Amino acid sequence: CYEYSTSLLVCEGEILEVACMRYEYDADEYVWPRVTELGKELRGPPEEPTEEQLDVMRRLVRGYSGFINFNYKIRPSDGEM
């Protein structure tokens, strides 16, 4: 099971920088910290976040300036956040 943590630097709704970590855990469903981390990896576009995922984030940061973090999972059934 993977969980993603994507940090953005945003100025007036425009994403200037992206950093994404992908974490792997030993369970699909868990309550942190009662889970074992199996690994982590720094990821970058176009792998993660994808342009479609960034579009979702863009909608949420309209007019925003500063740093923001999104934590999410990808559904294996359809690839959606």
Protein backbone atom coordinates (compact mmCIF):
# COMPACT_ATOMS: atom_id res chain seq x y z
CA CYS A 1 0.00 0.00 0.00
CA TYR A 2 1.37 3.41 -0.95
CA GLU A 3 0.60 6.79 0.53
CA TYR A 4 1.74 10.02 -1.11
CA SER A 5 2.75 13.26 0.55
CA THR A 6 3.06 16.13 -1.92
CA SER A 7 4.31 19.56 -0.85
CA LEU A 8 3.77 22.59 -3.04
CA LEU A 9 5.11 26.12 -3.11
CA VAL A 10 2.27 28.24 -4.46
CA CYS A 11 2.04 31.94 -5.41
CA GLU A 12 -1.44 33.36 -6.08
CA GLY A 13 -2.68 29.92 -7.14
CA GLU A 14 0.26 29.11 -9.39
CA ILE A 15 2.28 26.03 -8.40
CA LEU A 16 5.95 27.01 -8.45
CA GLU A 17 7.61 23.92 -6.94
CA VAL A 18 6.58 20.32 -6.25
CA ALA A 19 8.11 17.69 -3.95
CA CYS A 20 6.48 14.28 -3.52
CA MET A 21 7.32 11.40 -1.20
CA ARG A 22 5.84 7.94 -1.72
CA TYR A 23 5.59 5.83 1.43
CA GLU A 24 5.01 2.08 1.46
CA TYR A 25 3.31 0.46 4.45
CA ASP A 26 2.58 -3.12 5.45
CA ALA A 27 -1.22 -2.65 5.48
CA ASP A 28 -3.83 -1.13 3.18
CA GLU A 29 -5.84 0.28 6.07
CA TYR A 30 -4.18 1.60 9.18
CA VAL A 31 -4.11 4.26 11.86
CA TRP A 32 -0.70 5.85 12.11
CA PRO A 33 1.52 5.19 14.05
CA ARG A 34 0.24 1.59 14.33
CA VAL A 35 1.71 0.56 10.99
CA THR A 36 5.14 -0.47 9.74
CA GLU A 37 6.82 1.67 7.10
CA LEU A 38 8.44 -0.57 4.50
CA GLY A 39 10.06 2.18 2.45
CA LYS A 40 9.93 5.70 1.11
CA GLU A 41 11.02 7.30 -2.13
CA LEU A 42 11.27 10.86 -3.43
CA ARG A 43 9.12 11.11 -6.56
CA GLY A 44 8.68 13.80 -9.18
CA PRO A 45 6.47 14.66 -12.13
CA PRO A 46 5.45 13.09 -14.44
CA GLU A 47 5.40 9.95 -12.24
CA GLU A 48 3.93 11.46 -9.09
CA PRO A 49 2.14 13.65 -8.91
CA THR A 50 0.73 13.20 -12.39
CA GLU A 51 -0.64 16.17 -14.31
CA GLU A 52 -4.18 14.98 -13.46
CA GLN A 53 -3.31 14.92 -9.75
CA LEU A 54 -1.75 18.38 -9.99
CA ASP A 55 -4.97 19.63 -11.64
CA VAL A 56 -6.92 18.52 -8.55
CA MET A 57 -4.44 20.34 -6.33
CA ARG A 58 -4.57 23.47 -8.52
CA ARG A 59 -8.33 23.70 -7.97
CA LEU A 60 -7.76 23.63 -4.22
CA VAL A 61 -5.05 26.33 -4.15
CA ARG A 62 -6.73 29.00 -6.30
CA GLY A 63 -5.74 32.39 -4.92
CA TYR A 64 -3.48 30.82 -2.27
CA SER A 65 0.16 31.80 -1.63
CA GLY A 66 2.52 29.80 0.58
CA PHE A 67 3.45 26.21 1.29
CA ILE A 68 0.82 23.47 1.38
CA ASN A 69 0.90 19.70 1.75
CA PHE A 70 -1.45 17.04 0.37
CA ASN A 71 -1.51 13.50 1.77
CA TYR A 72 -3.41 10.98 -0.34
CA LYS A 73 -3.67 7.46 -1.69
CA ILE A 74 -4.41 6.25 -5.20
CA ARG A 75 -7.28 3.79 -5.63
CA PRO A 76 -5.96 0.65 -7.34
CA SER A 77 -9.34 0.06 -9.02
CA ASP A 78 -9.34 3.23 -11.13
CA GLY A 79 -6.17 5.21 -10.36
CA GLU A 80 -8.11 8.09 -8.80
CA MET A 81 -6.98 10.01 -5.72
